[in-house]
Amino acid sequence: AYTRQGVGFNLGVTFNARRRIPVTLAYGYSVGRTTALPAVYCSVFRVCDAADQVFLARERAFAAVTVTAVRDRVNSPLDPSEGSLITGTLMHASRAVGSNPFYEFNRGEFEAAKYHPIGRRTVFAWRVRGGTILPQRITLSGQSARFVPPEQRFYAGGPNSVRGYGRNALGPRVYVTRDTTAFDTTAAGDTVYRDLRTAPTGGNTALVLNAELRLPSPIFTQRMRVGVFVDVGQVWEREKEFLRFTDVRVTPGVGLRFSTPLGPVRLDAAYNDY
């Protein structure tokens, strides 16, 4: 989706709040550049002029203050079967903390997971993750835009997100071709490019929900379990599209869970009918 190159540092302090909830206050500063496909800049940020895209990709300072709170009550960090995990993160980037004026936004993300044991080896688990970004307006070539660096945007799809989609394949995308002369015309008159691929652009609002039932396997009961899951999610770009729940994608699936000396191994297959 993007390439980020930078040199910088991160400083943080962690202290325990009430009820043993660690809170981390961190400050990060780096000087670098982020590059993405020209189609991404043109589609998401409405910056289609080549000179303006080069200007956006120049090396700049990025600085942010981040506050993270974690409530960890799970019984295992690798393969939990009981308890809950709640994480909240707030990020502020602006000139006030040393960031370049092009990197000014507020970003919030929340995640909660719960594990319910059912019997000796059956577990029902669910997780919800959501986030939003509130960018500031910038002016480029006389046009007003809300610029959020590609590496700070939300993406969904993949083995740890909505498993019915490839990595980062859920949400806003653009079609990219390097040869506009190589195409076929269908009977309906549509143009189909031969050298065509999709590129994820990310969004400023995301919602992902996962629910999974892990059952004992009829064979190798000590080493293998069966998982039945449903993943729900979507990524939106506010101000360019409405946040409609009819756009949410639901992909069910099944999988196997193996216990190994190196930790759990997972094999999933999800069904996508969209």
Protein backbone atom coordinates (compact mmCIF):
# COMPACT_ATOMS: atom_id res chain seq x y z
CA ALA A 1 0.00 0.00 0.00
CA TYR A 2 2.89 2.38 0.69
CA THR A 3 6.60 2.56 1.47
CA ARG A 4 7.85 4.47 4.51
CA GLN A 5 11.51 5.38 5.01
CA GLY A 6 12.60 7.41 7.98
CA VAL A 7 15.12 7.94 10.76
CA GLY A 8 14.05 9.05 14.21
CA PHE A 9 13.45 8.09 17.82
CA ASN A 10 10.70 7.18 20.24
CA LEU A 11 10.52 8.00 23.93
CA GLY A 12 7.90 6.63 26.28
CA VAL A 13 6.99 6.23 29.91
CA THR A 14 4.57 3.63 31.26
CA PHE A 15 2.80 3.83 34.58
CA ASN A 16 0.04 1.82 36.20
CA ALA A 17 -3.31 3.53 36.51
CA ARG A 18 -6.14 2.33 38.70
CA ARG A 19 -6.98 -1.39 38.64
CA ARG A 20 -3.60 -2.31 37.17
CA ILE A 21 -4.17 -0.70 33.79
CA PRO A 22 -0.81 0.29 32.25
CA VAL A 23 -0.92 3.66 30.48
CA THR A 24 1.91 4.62 28.11
CA LEU A 25 2.65 8.22 27.16
CA ALA A 26 5.00 8.31 24.17
CA TYR A 27 6.56 10.84 21.85
CA GLY A 28 7.93 9.91 18.44
CA TYR A 29 9.90 12.01 15.99
CA SER A 30 11.24 10.98 12.60
CA VAL A 31 12.43 12.57 9.38
CA GLY A 32 11.54 10.60 6.30
CA ARG A 33 9.31 10.17 3.30
CA THR A 34 6.30 8.08 2.36
CA THR A 35 5.74 7.01 -1.22
CA ALA A 36 2.60 5.56 -2.75
CA LEU A 37 1.22 4.96 -6.21
CA PRO A 38 0.27 8.12 -8.16
CA ALA A 39 -3.25 6.69 -8.44
CA VAL A 40 -3.50 6.64 -4.63
CA TYR A 41 -2.53 10.30 -4.33
CA CYS A 42 -4.95 11.25 -7.09
CA SER A 43 -7.88 9.18 -5.82
CA VAL A 44 -7.64 9.76 -2.08
CA PHE A 45 -6.06 13.17 -1.72
CA ARG A 46 -7.22 14.64 -5.05
CA VAL A 47 -3.61 15.46 -5.86
CA CYS A 48 -3.26 14.35 -9.48
CA ASP A 49 -0.59 16.72 -10.76
CA ALA A 50 2.80 14.98 -11.02
CA ALA A 51 4.67 17.95 -9.52
CA ASP A 52 2.32 18.07 -6.54
CA GLN A 53 2.73 14.34 -5.97
CA VAL A 54 6.50 14.74 -5.90
CA PHE A 55 6.03 17.58 -3.42
CA LEU A 56 3.94 15.35 -1.12
CA ALA A 57 6.55 12.57 -1.28
CA ARG A 58 9.42 14.81 -0.16
CA GLU A 59 11.25 14.15 3.08
CA ARG A 60 9.53 15.80 6.06
CA ALA A 61 9.47 15.69 9.83
CA PHE A 62 6.71 13.68 11.49
CA ALA A 63 6.10 13.98 15.22
CA ALA A 64 3.27 12.66 17.36
CA VAL A 65 2.22 12.26 20.97
CA THR A 66 0.51 8.95 21.69
CA VAL A 67 -1.41 7.75 24.75
CA THR A 68 -2.13 4.03 25.03
CA ALA A 69 -4.04 2.22 27.76
CA VAL A 70 -4.21 -1.58 28.06
CA ARG A 71 -6.37 -3.77 30.27
CA ASP A 72 -5.01 -7.30 29.95
CA ARG A 73 -6.87 -10.10 31.72
CA VAL A 74 -6.22 -13.07 29.40
CA ASN A 75 -4.72 -16.31 30.69
CA SER A 76 -2.25 -16.75 27.81
CA PRO A 77 -0.60 -14.23 25.48
CA LEU A 78 -0.27 -16.74 22.59
CA ASP A 79 -3.40 -18.90 22.82
CA PRO A 80 -5.89 -17.37 25.27
CA SER A 81 -8.93 -19.37 26.32
CA GLU A 82 -10.31 -17.16 29.09
CA GLY A 83 -10.35 -13.49 30.03
CA SER A 84 -10.42 -10.21 28.12
CA LEU A 85 -8.09 -7.70 26.48
CA ILE A 86 -8.98 -4.03 25.94
CA THR A 87 -6.70 -1.50 24.25
CA GLY A 88 -7.26 2.19 23.50
CA THR A 89 -4.89 4.51 21.61
CA LEU A 90 -5.04 8.24 20.94
CA MET A 91 -2.51 10.01 18.70
CA HIS A 92 -2.01 13.73 18.10
CA ALA A 93 0.28 15.06 15.35
CA SER A 94 0.66 18.80 14.74
CA ARG A 95 3.10 21.66 14.54
CA ALA A 96 2.72 22.09 18.29
CA VAL A 97 4.62 18.84 18.88
CA GLY A 98 7.20 19.36 16.13
CA SER A 99 5.47 17.82 13.11
CA ASN A 100 5.46 19.27 9.62
CA PRO A 101 2.29 21.31 8.85
CA PHE A 102 1.27 18.65 6.30
CA TYR A 103 1.10 16.05 9.08
CA GLU A 104 -1.63 17.38 11.34
CA PHE A 105 -4.36 15.02 12.49
CA ASN A 106 -5.89 13.23 15.47
CA ARG A 107 -6.23 9.45 15.38
CA GLY A 108 -8.12 7.19 17.75
CA GLU A 109 -8.32 3.39 17.83
CA PHE A 110 -10.10 0.99 20.18
CA GLU A 111 -9.95 -2.80 20.41
CA ALA A 112 -11.67 -5.23 22.76
CA ALA A 113 -11.47 -9.04 22.82
CA LYS A 114 -13.21 -11.55 25.07
CA TYR A 115 -12.67 -15.30 25.51
CA HIS A 116 -15.38 -17.52 27.01
CA PRO A 117 -14.45 -21.12 27.97
CA ILE A 118 -17.16 -23.70 27.25
CA GLY A 119 -16.33 -27.03 28.79
CA ARG A 120 -12.76 -28.30 28.89
CA ARG A 121 -11.50 -27.49 25.38
CA THR A 122 -14.21 -25.42 23.68
CA VAL A 123 -13.77 -21.65 23.56
CA PHE A 124 -15.95 -18.89 22.13
CA ALA A 125 -13.98 -15.75 21.28
CA TRP A 126 -14.97 -12.39 19.87
CA ARG A 127 -13.15 -9.19 19.04
CA VAL A 128 -14.16 -5.72 17.93
CA ARG A 129 -11.79 -3.09 16.55
CA GLY A 130 -12.66 0.40 15.40
CA GLY A 131 -10.98 3.68 14.72
CA THR A 132 -11.31 7.09 13.16
CA ILE A 133 -9.03 9.91 12.02
CA LEU A 134 -9.79 13.63 12.20
CA PRO A 135 -7.41 15.40 9.79
CA GLN A 136 -6.72 19.09 9.44
CA ARG A 137 -7.13 20.89 6.12
CA ILE A 138 -4.09 21.77 4.04
CA THR A 139 -3.80 23.81 0.84
CA LEU A 140 -1.88 22.51 -2.15
CA SER A 141 -1.84 24.29 -5.51
CA GLY A 142 -4.74 26.42 -4.35
CA GLN A 143 -6.89 23.38 -3.47
CA SER A 144 -8.02 22.43 0.00
CA ALA A 145 -7.49 18.82 1.08
CA ARG A 146 -7.43 16.68 4.21
CA PHE A 147 -4.11 14.86 4.04
CA VAL A 148 -3.37 11.84 6.23
CA PRO A 149 -0.14 9.94 5.51
CA PRO A 150 -0.83 6.51 3.98
CA GLU A 151 0.96 4.75 6.86
CA GLN A 152 -1.46 6.27 9.38
CA ARG A 153 -4.63 5.33 7.52
CA PHE A 154 -6.77 2.29 8.35
CA TYR A 155 -6.67 -0.90 6.33
CA ALA A 156 -8.62 -4.16 6.66
CA GLY A 157 -8.55 -7.63 5.20
CA GLY A 158 -6.13 -10.47 5.82
CA PRO A 159 -5.43 -13.27 8.29
CA ASN A 160 -5.77 -11.05 11.38
CA SER A 161 -8.68 -8.98 10.12
CA VAL A 162 -11.52 -9.97 7.75
CA ARG A 163 -10.30 -13.34 6.52
CA GLY A 164 -12.53 -13.41 3.45
CA TYR A 165 -10.29 -10.78 1.85
CA GLY A 166 -6.61 -10.57 1.06
CA ARG A 167 -4.28 -8.38 3.07
CA ASN A 168 -5.49 -4.74 2.96
CA ALA A 169 -7.98 -5.70 0.21
CA LEU A 170 -11.12 -4.63 2.08
CA GLY A 171 -12.16 -1.00 1.76
CA PRO A 172 -11.33 1.77 -0.72
CA ARG A 173 -9.15 0.71 -3.64
CA VAL A 174 -8.11 2.05 -7.00
CA TYR A 175 -7.48 0.23 -10.26
CA VAL A 176 -4.01 0.69 -11.66
CA THR A 177 -2.79 -0.11 -15.18
CA ARG A 178 0.55 0.67 -16.80
CA ASP A 179 -0.69 0.27 -20.38
CA THR A 180 -3.90 2.07 -21.34
CA THR A 181 -3.67 0.76 -24.89
CA ALA A 182 -3.91 -2.94 -23.95
CA PHE A 183 -7.60 -3.62 -23.41
CA ASP A 184 -10.52 -5.69 -24.66
CA THR A 185 -14.06 -4.54 -25.31
CA THR A 186 -16.95 -6.70 -24.11
CA ALA A 187 -20.22 -7.26 -25.96
CA ALA A 188 -21.82 -4.66 -23.70
CA GLY A 189 -19.24 -2.10 -24.75
CA ASP A 190 -17.23 -2.13 -21.52
CA THR A 191 -13.48 -1.68 -21.56
CA VAL A 192 -11.47 -4.36 -19.74
CA TYR A 193 -7.76 -3.63 -19.35
CA ARG A 194 -5.43 -6.60 -19.61
CA ASP A 195 -2.71 -5.26 -17.28
CA LEU A 196 -4.89 -4.29 -14.34
CA ARG A 197 -4.38 -4.58 -10.61
CA THR A 198 -5.90 -3.06 -7.52
CA ALA A 199 -4.12 -0.93 -4.92
CA PRO A 200 -5.55 -0.34 -1.43
CA THR A 201 -5.87 3.32 -0.47
CA GLY A 202 -7.02 2.86 3.12
CA GLY A 203 -9.58 5.00 4.89
CA ASN A 204 -10.12 7.31 7.83
CA THR A 205 -12.77 5.16 9.53
CA ALA A 206 -12.72 1.42 10.15
CA LEU A 207 -14.79 -1.24 11.92
CA VAL A 208 -13.89 -4.94 12.22
CA LEU A 209 -15.65 -7.64 14.24
CA ASN A 210 -14.56 -11.28 14.62
CA ALA A 211 -16.41 -14.16 16.29
CA GLU A 212 -15.00 -17.67 16.52
CA LEU A 213 -15.95 -20.97 18.14
CA ARG A 214 -13.01 -23.32 18.75
CA LEU A 215 -13.97 -26.98 19.13
CA PRO A 216 -11.93 -30.09 19.99
CA SER A 217 -10.82 -32.05 16.94
CA PRO A 218 -12.08 -35.64 16.59
CA ILE A 219 -8.45 -36.65 15.91
CA PHE A 220 -5.25 -35.49 17.60
CA THR A 221 -7.39 -33.96 20.33
CA GLN A 222 -4.37 -32.76 22.33
CA ARG A 223 -2.76 -31.00 19.39
CA MET A 224 -5.51 -29.87 17.06
CA ARG A 225 -8.79 -27.95 17.26
CA VAL A 226 -11.43 -26.91 14.74
CA GLY A 227 -12.50 -23.27 14.39
CA VAL A 228 -15.76 -21.93 12.99
CA PHE A 229 -15.74 -18.15 12.52
CA VAL A 230 -17.54 -15.14 11.08
CA ASP A 231 -15.70 -11.92 10.23
CA VAL A 232 -17.45 -8.59 9.70
CA GLY A 233 -15.86 -5.32 8.66
CA GLN A 234 -15.41 -2.36 6.37
CA VAL A 235 -13.18 0.68 5.86
CA TRP A 236 -14.68 4.01 4.83
CA GLU A 237 -13.36 7.33 3.59
CA ARG A 238 -15.50 9.95 5.28
CA GLU A 239 -16.49 13.03 3.27
CA LYS A 240 -16.17 10.98 0.06
CA GLU A 241 -18.74 8.32 0.98
CA PHE A 242 -21.45 7.77 3.55
CA LEU A 243 -20.90 5.42 6.49
CA ARG A 244 -23.59 2.91 5.57
CA PHE A 245 -23.81 -0.38 7.40
CA THR A 246 -25.12 -1.94 4.20
CA ASP A 247 -21.52 -1.68 2.97
CA VAL A 248 -20.28 -3.94 5.77
CA ARG A 249 -18.94 -7.28 4.50
CA VAL A 250 -19.60 -10.60 6.25
CA THR A 251 -17.36 -13.60 5.47
CA PRO A 252 -17.84 -16.92 7.29
CA GLY A 253 -15.27 -19.70 7.35
CA VAL A 254 -13.69 -22.69 9.04
CA GLY A 255 -10.16 -23.50 10.09
CA LEU A 256 -7.75 -25.70 12.01
CA ARG A 257 -5.67 -24.78 15.06
CA PHE A 258 -2.46 -26.67 15.78
CA SER A 259 -0.40 -26.56 18.97
CA THR A 260 3.35 -26.67 18.30
CA PRO A 261 6.48 -26.08 20.44
CA LEU A 262 6.82 -22.70 18.70
CA GLY A 263 3.25 -21.65 19.49
CA PRO A 264 -0.16 -22.01 17.82
CA VAL A 265 -0.44 -22.44 14.06
CA ARG A 266 -3.64 -21.49 12.24
CA LEU A 267 -5.04 -22.51 8.87
CA ASP A 268 -8.25 -20.75 7.75
CA ALA A 269 -10.51 -20.82 4.73
CA ALA A 270 -13.16 -18.10 4.38
CA TYR A 271 -16.04 -17.68 1.95
CA ASN A 272 -16.52 -14.37 0.11
CA ASP A 273 -19.66 -13.98 -1.99
CA TYR A 274 -19.23 -10.29 -2.85
